[in-house]
Amino acid sequence: MNRSFYALLVSQTSTNLGFALYTMVVVLHLYNESDSTALSAAVTLVSFIARMGSGLILPAVSDRYKPTHLLMFAQISQLLLLAGLFILFQIELTTTILVIVFMVLASISFFNGFFSPIKSTLVKSIVHESTRVKANSLISSVDQTFLFAGWTFGGVLLAFFGKDTTLAFTFGLLITSIVSLLLVKVQKSVTIQSQDGFLARITSGWQHLFQHKGLRILVIMDLMEAWVGTIWIGAVTLTFAKEALGKGEMWWGYINGGYYLGTIIGGLLVFRFSKWMQGRLTLFMLAGSFLFGLLTFFYGFVSTPYLALVLVLLMGPAYQLRDLAQETMFQNSIDDQTLIKILAARSTLVQLIFILSVIGIGVLTDLIGVRLVYILSGSLLLFSAIYGFYYLHIQGNGASLESNKVKAS
């Protein structure tokens, strides 16, 4: 791994840590000014919808500009919007200002949504295939570590220094990200001036997802897992801590922190044993998926807080094993230009399912109880793993995703 990779690592870590702190600042500001929980919660919803929009638009521009240029433009746009947000925070919150604030929030999330698909494409371009598992795991481990610190100590930062200073700190993190991007050098040009129309460029990623059997299987697994992913949002985990474990907010924090810690450990384990995964990405991905589903299933039956904490700690490595193997499979099997489009389309689908799931899981929890929600979610995750095992391993479709080009069905 070279200097460009480490520069990209710093850029992603700075961006994601900054986004976490900025989200906390915005939620706190809106809550303090309006005393409305619903208005504060709308920040997350607006963020998801805006990211869906970026996933739709990114394929249309990825053919026209280099990935590094697109990423630089997105980061600078966020920096300018953040400066505008700082000014808005100094003005009394009226209906007009509130509308403008949410427009700025949506724009920041829109440009932030560019980062992940482009980052994966850049990793493919600057890291050799033999070390991509290690590279992805290192990025994930460092990223999760800083996110854990950000969400854990962000409240302390806000309490001691206030929202203006915290927002200024976020501003500095974005500048760090932009400077780091200047050090990312891609040896080969990946820009292709497409002659296709705007609509054709937007839909090209979706066409690849539906036309290539291996990719289609991965995305179907993603969508099943995204549907139950909302069982880990704050409201549901808090309900489980209170109703199933008989504990309060303190153990709610322990459970959330335990999962983050597990993902950090998982990333480090994948980094350590990445050589074993080479040539066996499909099996490792399916093993991680199955283990994650099994642990979630058993979690629904748990009444002992300490056992619940152990289970969520184990879920982190299982999820990382599945996620990092899958990301490497995408990178190994698709050319750079198509990869951006496919990951953007995949992101849009996952964001859509996640938004619908937020509503669905909340209603389901009220109707059947939080325990049964976790048990059913674990069952769906296990079904996803079995589905993947049959179509990727038994039928051999996973081989085309390990390396070389994917084959159309």
Protein backbone atom coordinates (compact mmCIF):
# COMPACT_ATOMS: atom_id res chain seq x y z
CA MET A 1 0.00 0.00 0.00
CA ASN A 2 1.32 3.39 -1.03
CA ARG A 3 1.12 7.07 -0.06
CA SER A 4 -2.04 7.60 -2.13
CA PHE A 5 -3.84 4.91 -0.15
CA TYR A 6 -2.90 6.43 3.21
CA ALA A 7 -3.92 9.88 1.96
CA LEU A 8 -7.31 8.44 0.97
CA LEU A 9 -7.56 6.80 4.39
CA VAL A 10 -7.01 10.16 6.13
CA SER A 11 -9.52 11.81 3.80
CA GLN A 12 -12.27 9.28 4.54
CA THR A 13 -11.64 9.28 8.28
CA SER A 14 -11.74 13.09 8.41
CA THR A 15 -14.89 13.23 6.31
CA ASN A 16 -16.84 10.65 8.30
CA LEU A 17 -15.75 12.00 11.69
CA GLY A 18 -16.67 15.50 10.55
CA PHE A 19 -20.07 14.31 9.32
CA ALA A 20 -20.79 12.62 12.66
CA LEU A 21 -19.92 15.76 14.64
CA TYR A 22 -21.83 18.01 12.23
CA THR A 23 -24.93 15.81 12.61
CA MET A 24 -24.74 16.07 16.39
CA VAL A 25 -24.38 19.86 16.17
CA VAL A 26 -27.39 20.21 13.86
CA VAL A 27 -29.62 17.92 15.93
CA LEU A 28 -28.69 19.76 19.14
CA HIS A 29 -29.23 23.19 17.56
CA LEU A 30 -32.67 22.32 16.16
CA TYR A 31 -33.74 20.71 19.41
CA ASN A 32 -32.59 23.67 21.53
CA GLU A 33 -34.19 26.23 19.22
CA SER A 34 -37.48 24.43 18.56
CA ASP A 35 -37.80 22.01 21.50
CA SER A 36 -39.08 19.49 18.92
CA THR A 37 -37.85 15.89 18.86
CA ALA A 38 -39.61 15.26 15.52
CA LEU A 39 -37.81 18.18 13.90
CA SER A 40 -34.46 16.95 15.17
CA ALA A 41 -35.21 13.41 13.95
CA ALA A 42 -36.04 14.83 10.50
CA VAL A 43 -32.31 15.53 10.05
CA THR A 44 -31.64 11.81 9.61
CA LEU A 45 -34.54 11.38 7.20
CA VAL A 46 -33.42 14.33 5.07
CA SER A 47 -29.90 12.91 5.03
CA PHE A 48 -31.07 9.51 3.75
CA ILE A 49 -33.26 11.03 1.03
CA ALA A 50 -30.45 13.35 -0.15
CA ARG A 51 -28.01 10.44 -0.30
CA MET A 52 -30.50 8.57 -2.47
CA GLY A 53 -30.46 11.56 -4.80
CA SER A 54 -26.67 11.53 -5.02
CA GLY A 55 -26.75 7.83 -5.84
CA LEU A 56 -29.08 8.56 -8.74
CA ILE A 57 -27.04 11.46 -10.13
CA LEU A 58 -23.50 10.15 -9.64
CA PRO A 59 -23.57 7.69 -12.59
CA ALA A 60 -24.48 10.56 -14.92
CA VAL A 61 -21.36 12.57 -14.05
CA SER A 62 -18.87 9.77 -13.37
CA ASP A 63 -18.24 9.31 -17.12
CA ARG A 64 -17.38 12.97 -17.58
CA TYR A 65 -14.94 13.65 -14.73
CA LYS A 66 -12.10 11.87 -12.96
CA PRO A 67 -13.05 10.32 -9.60
CA THR A 68 -10.51 12.47 -7.73
CA HIS A 69 -11.92 15.64 -9.33
CA LEU A 70 -15.50 14.64 -8.46
CA LEU A 71 -14.51 13.92 -4.89
CA MET A 72 -12.64 17.21 -4.58
CA PHE A 73 -15.65 19.11 -5.92
CA ALA A 74 -17.96 17.32 -3.48
CA GLN A 75 -15.70 18.07 -0.50
CA ILE A 76 -15.27 21.75 -1.38
CA SER A 77 -19.04 22.07 -1.88
CA GLN A 78 -19.62 20.64 1.61
CA LEU A 79 -17.07 23.06 3.04
CA LEU A 80 -18.87 26.07 1.53
CA LEU A 81 -22.27 24.77 2.63
CA LEU A 82 -20.93 24.23 6.15
CA ALA A 83 -19.80 27.85 6.24
CA GLY A 84 -23.33 28.88 5.20
CA LEU A 85 -24.77 26.71 7.94
CA PHE A 86 -22.56 28.44 10.51
CA ILE A 87 -23.99 31.79 9.44
CA LEU A 88 -27.58 30.48 9.60
CA PHE A 89 -27.00 29.29 13.15
CA GLN A 90 -26.35 32.89 14.20
CA ILE A 91 -29.82 33.95 13.00
CA GLU A 92 -33.05 33.49 14.92
CA LEU A 93 -34.84 30.32 13.83
CA THR A 94 -37.92 31.31 11.86
CA THR A 95 -39.91 29.20 9.41
CA THR A 96 -37.98 30.66 6.47
CA ILE A 97 -34.60 30.08 8.12
CA LEU A 98 -35.67 26.54 9.05
CA VAL A 99 -36.50 25.76 5.42
CA ILE A 100 -33.14 27.15 4.30
CA VAL A 101 -31.34 25.14 7.00
CA PHE A 102 -32.92 21.91 5.77
CA MET A 103 -32.05 22.78 2.17
CA VAL A 104 -28.41 23.23 3.22
CA LEU A 105 -28.53 19.97 5.21
CA ALA A 106 -29.89 18.12 2.18
CA SER A 107 -27.16 19.58 -0.05
CA ILE A 108 -24.39 18.57 2.38
CA SER A 109 -25.74 15.01 2.56
CA PHE A 110 -26.10 14.93 -1.23
CA PHE A 111 -22.42 15.69 -1.77
CA ASN A 112 -21.38 13.49 1.14
CA GLY A 113 -23.11 10.59 -0.62
CA PHE A 114 -20.49 10.80 -3.40
CA PHE A 115 -17.69 9.70 -1.09
CA SER A 116 -18.26 5.98 -0.53
CA PRO A 117 -18.74 4.81 -4.17
CA ILE A 118 -15.82 6.94 -5.39
CA LYS A 119 -13.62 5.87 -2.47
CA SER A 120 -14.14 2.18 -3.35
CA THR A 121 -13.24 2.90 -6.97
CA LEU A 122 -10.07 4.75 -5.95
CA VAL A 123 -9.04 1.87 -3.69
CA LYS A 124 -9.37 -0.43 -6.70
CA SER A 125 -7.21 1.93 -8.77
CA ILE A 126 -4.40 2.53 -6.26
CA VAL A 127 -4.21 -0.82 -4.43
CA HIS A 128 -3.14 -4.11 -6.04
CA GLU A 129 -5.74 -6.88 -6.09
CA SER A 130 -3.65 -9.08 -3.77
CA THR A 131 -3.81 -6.52 -0.93
CA ARG A 132 -7.31 -5.09 -1.36
CA VAL A 133 -8.81 -7.11 1.50
CA LYS A 134 -6.11 -5.74 3.80
CA ALA A 135 -6.63 -2.20 2.46
CA ASN A 136 -10.41 -2.31 2.92
CA SER A 137 -10.09 -3.74 6.43
CA LEU A 138 -7.58 -1.05 7.45
CA ILE A 139 -9.85 1.71 6.16
CA SER A 140 -12.80 0.21 7.99
CA SER A 141 -10.94 -0.30 11.29
CA VAL A 142 -9.55 3.23 11.41
CA ASP A 143 -12.86 4.70 10.27
CA GLN A 144 -14.87 2.79 12.88
CA THR A 145 -12.39 3.74 15.61
CA PHE A 146 -12.74 7.45 14.90
CA LEU A 147 -16.52 7.19 14.49
CA PHE A 148 -16.72 5.42 17.84
CA ALA A 149 -14.67 8.23 19.38
CA GLY A 150 -16.72 10.87 17.58
CA TRP A 151 -20.13 9.60 18.70
CA THR A 152 -18.82 8.85 22.19
CA PHE A 153 -17.01 12.12 22.87
CA GLY A 154 -18.96 14.39 20.53
CA GLY A 155 -21.40 15.15 23.34
CA VAL A 156 -18.50 16.05 25.63
CA LEU A 157 -17.07 18.34 22.94
CA LEU A 158 -20.44 20.05 22.55
CA ALA A 159 -20.90 20.42 26.30
CA PHE A 160 -17.49 22.02 26.90
CA PHE A 161 -16.98 24.08 23.75
CA GLY A 162 -20.47 24.64 22.33
CA LYS A 163 -21.90 24.08 18.89
CA ASP A 164 -20.03 26.93 17.14
CA THR A 165 -16.59 25.63 18.15
CA THR A 166 -17.59 22.04 17.33
CA LEU A 167 -18.80 23.16 13.90
CA ALA A 168 -15.50 24.98 13.40
CA PHE A 169 -13.71 21.74 14.29
CA THR A 170 -15.81 19.97 11.63
CA PHE A 171 -14.74 22.69 9.18
CA GLY A 172 -11.10 21.86 9.98
CA LEU A 173 -11.71 18.14 9.41
CA LEU A 174 -13.11 18.84 5.94
CA ILE A 175 -10.07 20.97 5.09
CA THR A 176 -7.88 18.05 6.20
CA SER A 177 -9.88 15.76 3.91
CA ILE A 178 -9.43 18.10 0.93
CA VAL A 179 -5.66 18.49 1.50
CA SER A 180 -5.34 14.68 1.76
CA LEU A 181 -7.15 14.22 -1.54
CA LEU A 182 -4.49 16.36 -3.24
CA LEU A 183 -2.00 13.61 -2.37
CA VAL A 184 -4.07 10.82 -3.99
CA LYS A 185 -2.48 10.01 -7.34
CA VAL A 186 -4.17 7.61 -9.75
CA GLN A 187 -1.67 6.30 -12.26
CA LYS A 188 -4.13 5.41 -14.98
CA SER A 189 -6.87 7.62 -16.30
CA VAL A 190 -10.36 6.26 -15.67
CA THR A 191 -12.29 9.08 -17.31
CA ILE A 192 -14.27 8.14 -20.38
CA GLN A 193 -16.23 10.75 -22.27
CA SER A 194 -19.47 8.85 -22.70
CA GLN A 195 -21.58 9.64 -25.73
CA ASP A 196 -24.71 8.29 -24.07
CA GLY A 197 -27.55 10.58 -23.06
CA PHE A 198 -28.20 11.75 -19.50
CA LEU A 199 -30.90 9.13 -18.82
CA ALA A 200 -28.78 6.31 -20.25
CA ARG A 201 -25.86 7.27 -18.01
CA ILE A 202 -28.12 7.36 -14.93
CA THR A 203 -29.59 3.92 -15.62
CA SER A 204 -26.37 2.19 -16.71
CA GLY A 205 -25.48 1.08 -13.18
CA TRP A 206 -28.97 -0.32 -12.65
CA GLN A 207 -28.71 -2.25 -15.91
CA HIS A 208 -25.49 -3.90 -14.76
CA LEU A 209 -27.09 -4.87 -11.46
CA PHE A 210 -30.01 -6.59 -13.18
CA GLN A 211 -28.05 -8.09 -16.08
CA HIS A 212 -25.18 -9.73 -14.17
CA LYS A 213 -26.28 -12.65 -12.08
CA GLY A 214 -23.48 -12.54 -9.51
CA LEU A 215 -24.02 -8.85 -8.77
CA ARG A 216 -27.78 -9.34 -8.65
CA ILE A 217 -27.40 -12.01 -5.97
CA LEU A 218 -25.14 -9.77 -3.86
CA VAL A 219 -27.57 -6.86 -4.08
CA ILE A 220 -30.58 -9.04 -3.21
CA MET A 221 -28.69 -10.15 -0.09
CA ASP A 222 -27.91 -6.49 0.63
CA LEU A 223 -31.56 -5.51 0.40
CA MET A 224 -32.67 -8.26 2.77
CA GLU A 225 -30.02 -7.21 5.24
CA ALA A 226 -30.86 -3.51 4.82
CA TRP A 227 -34.50 -4.22 5.64
CA VAL A 228 -33.56 -5.54 9.09
CA GLY A 229 -30.67 -3.10 9.57
CA THR A 230 -32.93 -0.65 11.36
CA ILE A 231 -33.20 -2.97 14.37
CA TRP A 232 -29.94 -1.31 15.43
CA ILE A 233 -31.20 2.28 15.35
CA GLY A 234 -31.42 4.04 18.70
CA ALA A 235 -35.16 3.73 19.33
CA VAL A 236 -35.27 -0.06 18.82
CA THR A 237 -32.08 -0.83 20.78
CA LEU A 238 -33.32 1.35 23.64
CA THR A 239 -36.64 -0.52 23.67
CA PHE A 240 -34.78 -3.85 23.78
CA ALA A 241 -32.55 -2.67 26.63
CA LYS A 242 -35.59 -1.61 28.68
CA GLU A 243 -38.14 -4.31 27.84
CA ALA A 244 -36.00 -7.39 27.18
CA LEU A 245 -32.97 -6.74 29.39
CA GLY A 246 -34.72 -4.73 32.08
CA LYS A 247 -32.06 -2.02 31.96
CA GLY A 248 -32.01 1.68 31.22
CA GLU A 249 -30.06 4.23 29.19
CA MET A 250 -26.67 3.19 30.61
CA TRP A 251 -26.91 -0.34 29.21
CA TRP A 252 -28.35 1.09 26.00
CA GLY A 253 -25.05 2.94 25.65
CA TYR A 254 -23.07 -0.19 26.49
CA ILE A 255 -24.87 -2.17 23.77
CA ASN A 256 -24.25 0.53 21.13
CA GLY A 257 -20.63 0.92 22.19
CA GLY A 258 -20.13 -2.85 22.24
CA TYR A 259 -21.24 -3.16 18.63
CA TYR A 260 -18.89 -0.38 17.52
CA LEU A 261 -16.04 -2.00 19.43
CA GLY A 262 -16.86 -5.32 17.76
CA THR A 263 -16.63 -3.77 14.28
CA ILE A 264 -13.23 -2.29 15.14
CA ILE A 265 -11.99 -5.69 16.35
CA GLY A 266 -13.50 -7.33 13.27
CA GLY A 267 -11.69 -4.98 10.92
CA LEU A 268 -8.39 -5.66 12.67
CA LEU A 269 -8.95 -9.43 12.47
CA VAL A 270 -9.69 -9.25 8.74
CA PHE A 271 -6.55 -7.11 8.32
CA ARG A 272 -4.48 -9.69 10.20
CA PHE A 273 -5.79 -12.72 8.30
CA SER A 274 -6.41 -11.08 4.91
CA LYS A 275 -4.08 -13.50 3.10
CA TRP A 276 -6.31 -16.42 4.07
CA MET A 277 -9.25 -14.71 2.39
CA GLN A 278 -7.60 -14.37 -1.01
CA GLY A 279 -9.37 -16.72 -3.43
CA ARG A 280 -12.00 -17.56 -0.78
CA LEU A 281 -13.92 -14.27 -0.63
CA THR A 282 -17.29 -15.87 -1.36
CA LEU A 283 -17.00 -18.41 1.45
CA PHE A 284 -15.80 -15.83 3.96
CA MET A 285 -18.59 -13.44 3.00
CA LEU A 286 -21.22 -16.16 3.39
CA ALA A 287 -19.71 -17.31 6.70
CA GLY A 288 -19.82 -13.78 8.07
CA SER A 289 -23.39 -13.31 6.85
CA PHE A 290 -24.55 -16.59 8.41
CA LEU A 291 -22.80 -15.91 11.73
CA PHE A 292 -24.27 -12.41 11.92
CA GLY A 293 -27.76 -13.80 11.33
CA LEU A 294 -27.29 -16.57 13.90
CA LEU A 295 -26.07 -14.13 16.57
CA THR A 296 -28.97 -11.75 15.86
CA PHE A 297 -31.43 -14.64 16.12
CA PHE A 298 -30.09 -15.72 19.54
CA TYR A 299 -29.92 -12.09 20.67
CA GLY A 300 -33.72 -11.96 20.48
CA PHE A 301 -33.98 -14.63 23.20
CA VAL A 302 -31.47 -13.09 25.61
CA SER A 303 -32.52 -11.68 28.98
CA THR A 304 -29.06 -11.38 30.60
CA PRO A 305 -27.42 -8.00 29.87
CA TYR A 306 -23.87 -9.35 29.95
CA LEU A 307 -24.70 -12.13 27.48
CA ALA A 308 -26.36 -9.54 25.21
CA LEU A 309 -23.17 -7.47 25.34
CA VAL A 310 -21.05 -10.49 24.39
CA LEU A 311 -23.33 -11.23 21.44
CA VAL A 312 -23.18 -7.69 20.02
CA LEU A 313 -19.39 -7.74 20.44
CA LEU A 314 -19.29 -10.91 18.32
CA MET A 315 -21.67 -9.44 15.75
CA GLY A 316 -19.12 -6.75 14.86
CA PRO A 317 -16.45 -9.16 13.52
CA ALA A 318 -19.11 -11.24 11.73
CA TYR A 319 -20.51 -8.17 9.97
CA GLN A 320 -17.05 -6.88 9.05
CA LEU A 321 -16.08 -10.25 7.60
CA ARG A 322 -19.17 -10.23 5.43
CA ASP A 323 -18.96 -6.54 4.47
CA LEU A 324 -15.24 -6.34 3.67
CA ALA A 325 -15.24 -9.56 1.64
CA GLN A 326 -18.21 -8.30 -0.36
CA GLU A 327 -16.65 -4.89 -1.04
CA THR A 328 -13.47 -6.56 -2.28
CA MET A 329 -15.56 -8.80 -4.55
CA PHE A 330 -17.13 -5.73 -6.15
CA GLN A 331 -13.70 -4.13 -6.65
CA ASN A 332 -12.07 -7.25 -8.08
CA SER A 333 -14.74 -8.10 -10.61
CA ILE A 334 -15.73 -4.79 -12.22
CA ASP A 335 -13.83 -2.15 -14.19
CA ASP A 336 -13.31 1.25 -12.52
CA GLN A 337 -15.87 3.24 -14.49
CA THR A 338 -18.65 0.69 -14.09
CA LEU A 339 -17.86 0.24 -10.39
CA ILE A 340 -18.86 3.82 -9.51
CA LYS A 341 -22.20 3.41 -11.29
CA ILE A 342 -22.99 0.04 -9.73
CA LEU A 343 -22.08 1.15 -6.20
CA ALA A 344 -24.15 4.33 -6.66
CA ALA A 345 -27.19 2.32 -7.80
CA ARG A 346 -26.70 -0.15 -4.96
CA SER A 347 -26.46 2.72 -2.46
CA THR A 348 -29.72 4.21 -3.73
CA LEU A 349 -31.55 0.89 -3.36
CA VAL A 350 -30.18 0.26 0.13
CA GLN A 351 -31.05 3.80 1.28
CA LEU A 352 -34.61 3.39 -0.03
CA ILE A 353 -35.13 0.07 1.74
CA PHE A 354 -33.62 1.49 4.92
CA ILE A 355 -36.03 4.45 4.91
CA LEU A 356 -39.02 2.13 4.44
CA SER A 357 -37.64 -0.16 7.13
CA VAL A 358 -37.40 2.68 9.68
CA ILE A 359 -41.17 3.01 9.44
CA GLY A 360 -41.91 -0.71 9.11
CA ILE A 361 -39.70 -1.93 11.97
CA GLY A 362 -41.03 0.78 14.28
CA VAL A 363 -44.64 -0.25 13.64
CA LEU A 364 -43.76 -3.95 13.86
CA THR A 365 -42.04 -3.44 17.21
CA ASP A 366 -45.20 -1.87 18.61
CA LEU A 367 -47.38 -4.68 17.23
CA ILE A 368 -45.45 -7.85 18.08
CA GLY A 369 -42.83 -6.75 20.60
CA VAL A 370 -39.12 -6.06 20.32
CA ARG A 371 -37.98 -9.65 21.06
CA LEU A 372 -39.91 -11.12 18.14
CA VAL A 373 -38.61 -8.36 15.86
CA TYR A 374 -35.01 -9.43 16.57
CA ILE A 375 -35.87 -13.13 16.18
CA LEU A 376 -37.59 -12.54 12.82
CA SER A 377 -34.74 -10.27 11.70
CA GLY A 378 -32.21 -12.97 12.56
CA SER A 379 -34.28 -15.48 10.59
CA LEU A 380 -34.28 -13.21 7.53
CA LEU A 381 -30.51 -12.75 7.82
CA LEU A 382 -30.05 -16.52 7.98
CA PHE A 383 -32.27 -16.90 4.92
CA SER A 384 -30.13 -14.31 3.11
CA ALA A 385 -26.98 -16.31 3.91
CA ILE A 386 -28.58 -19.59 2.75
CA TYR A 387 -29.81 -17.87 -0.43
CA GLY A 388 -26.29 -16.60 -1.10
CA PHE A 389 -24.73 -20.00 -0.34
CA TYR A 390 -26.99 -21.72 -2.86
CA TYR A 391 -26.65 -19.24 -5.72
CA LEU A 392 -23.06 -18.08 -5.19
CA HIS A 393 -21.35 -21.26 -3.93
CA ILE A 394 -23.46 -24.25 -5.02
CA GLN A 395 -24.28 -22.80 -8.45
CA GLY A 396 -20.80 -21.29 -8.81
CA ASN A 397 -21.81 -17.68 -9.47
CA GLY A 398 -19.43 -16.44 -6.79
CA ALA A 399 -16.38 -17.46 -8.82
CA SER A 400 -17.04 -14.66 -11.33
CA LEU A 401 -16.99 -12.14 -8.47
CA GLU A 402 -13.63 -13.18 -7.01
CA SER A 403 -11.64 -11.70 -9.89
CA ASN A 404 -11.82 -10.96 -13.62
CA LYS A 405 -15.02 -9.63 -15.15
CA VAL A 406 -18.51 -10.52 -14.11
CA LYS A 407 -20.52 -12.53 -16.56
CA ALA A 408 -23.96 -11.62 -17.71
CA SER A 409 -26.71 -14.08 -16.99
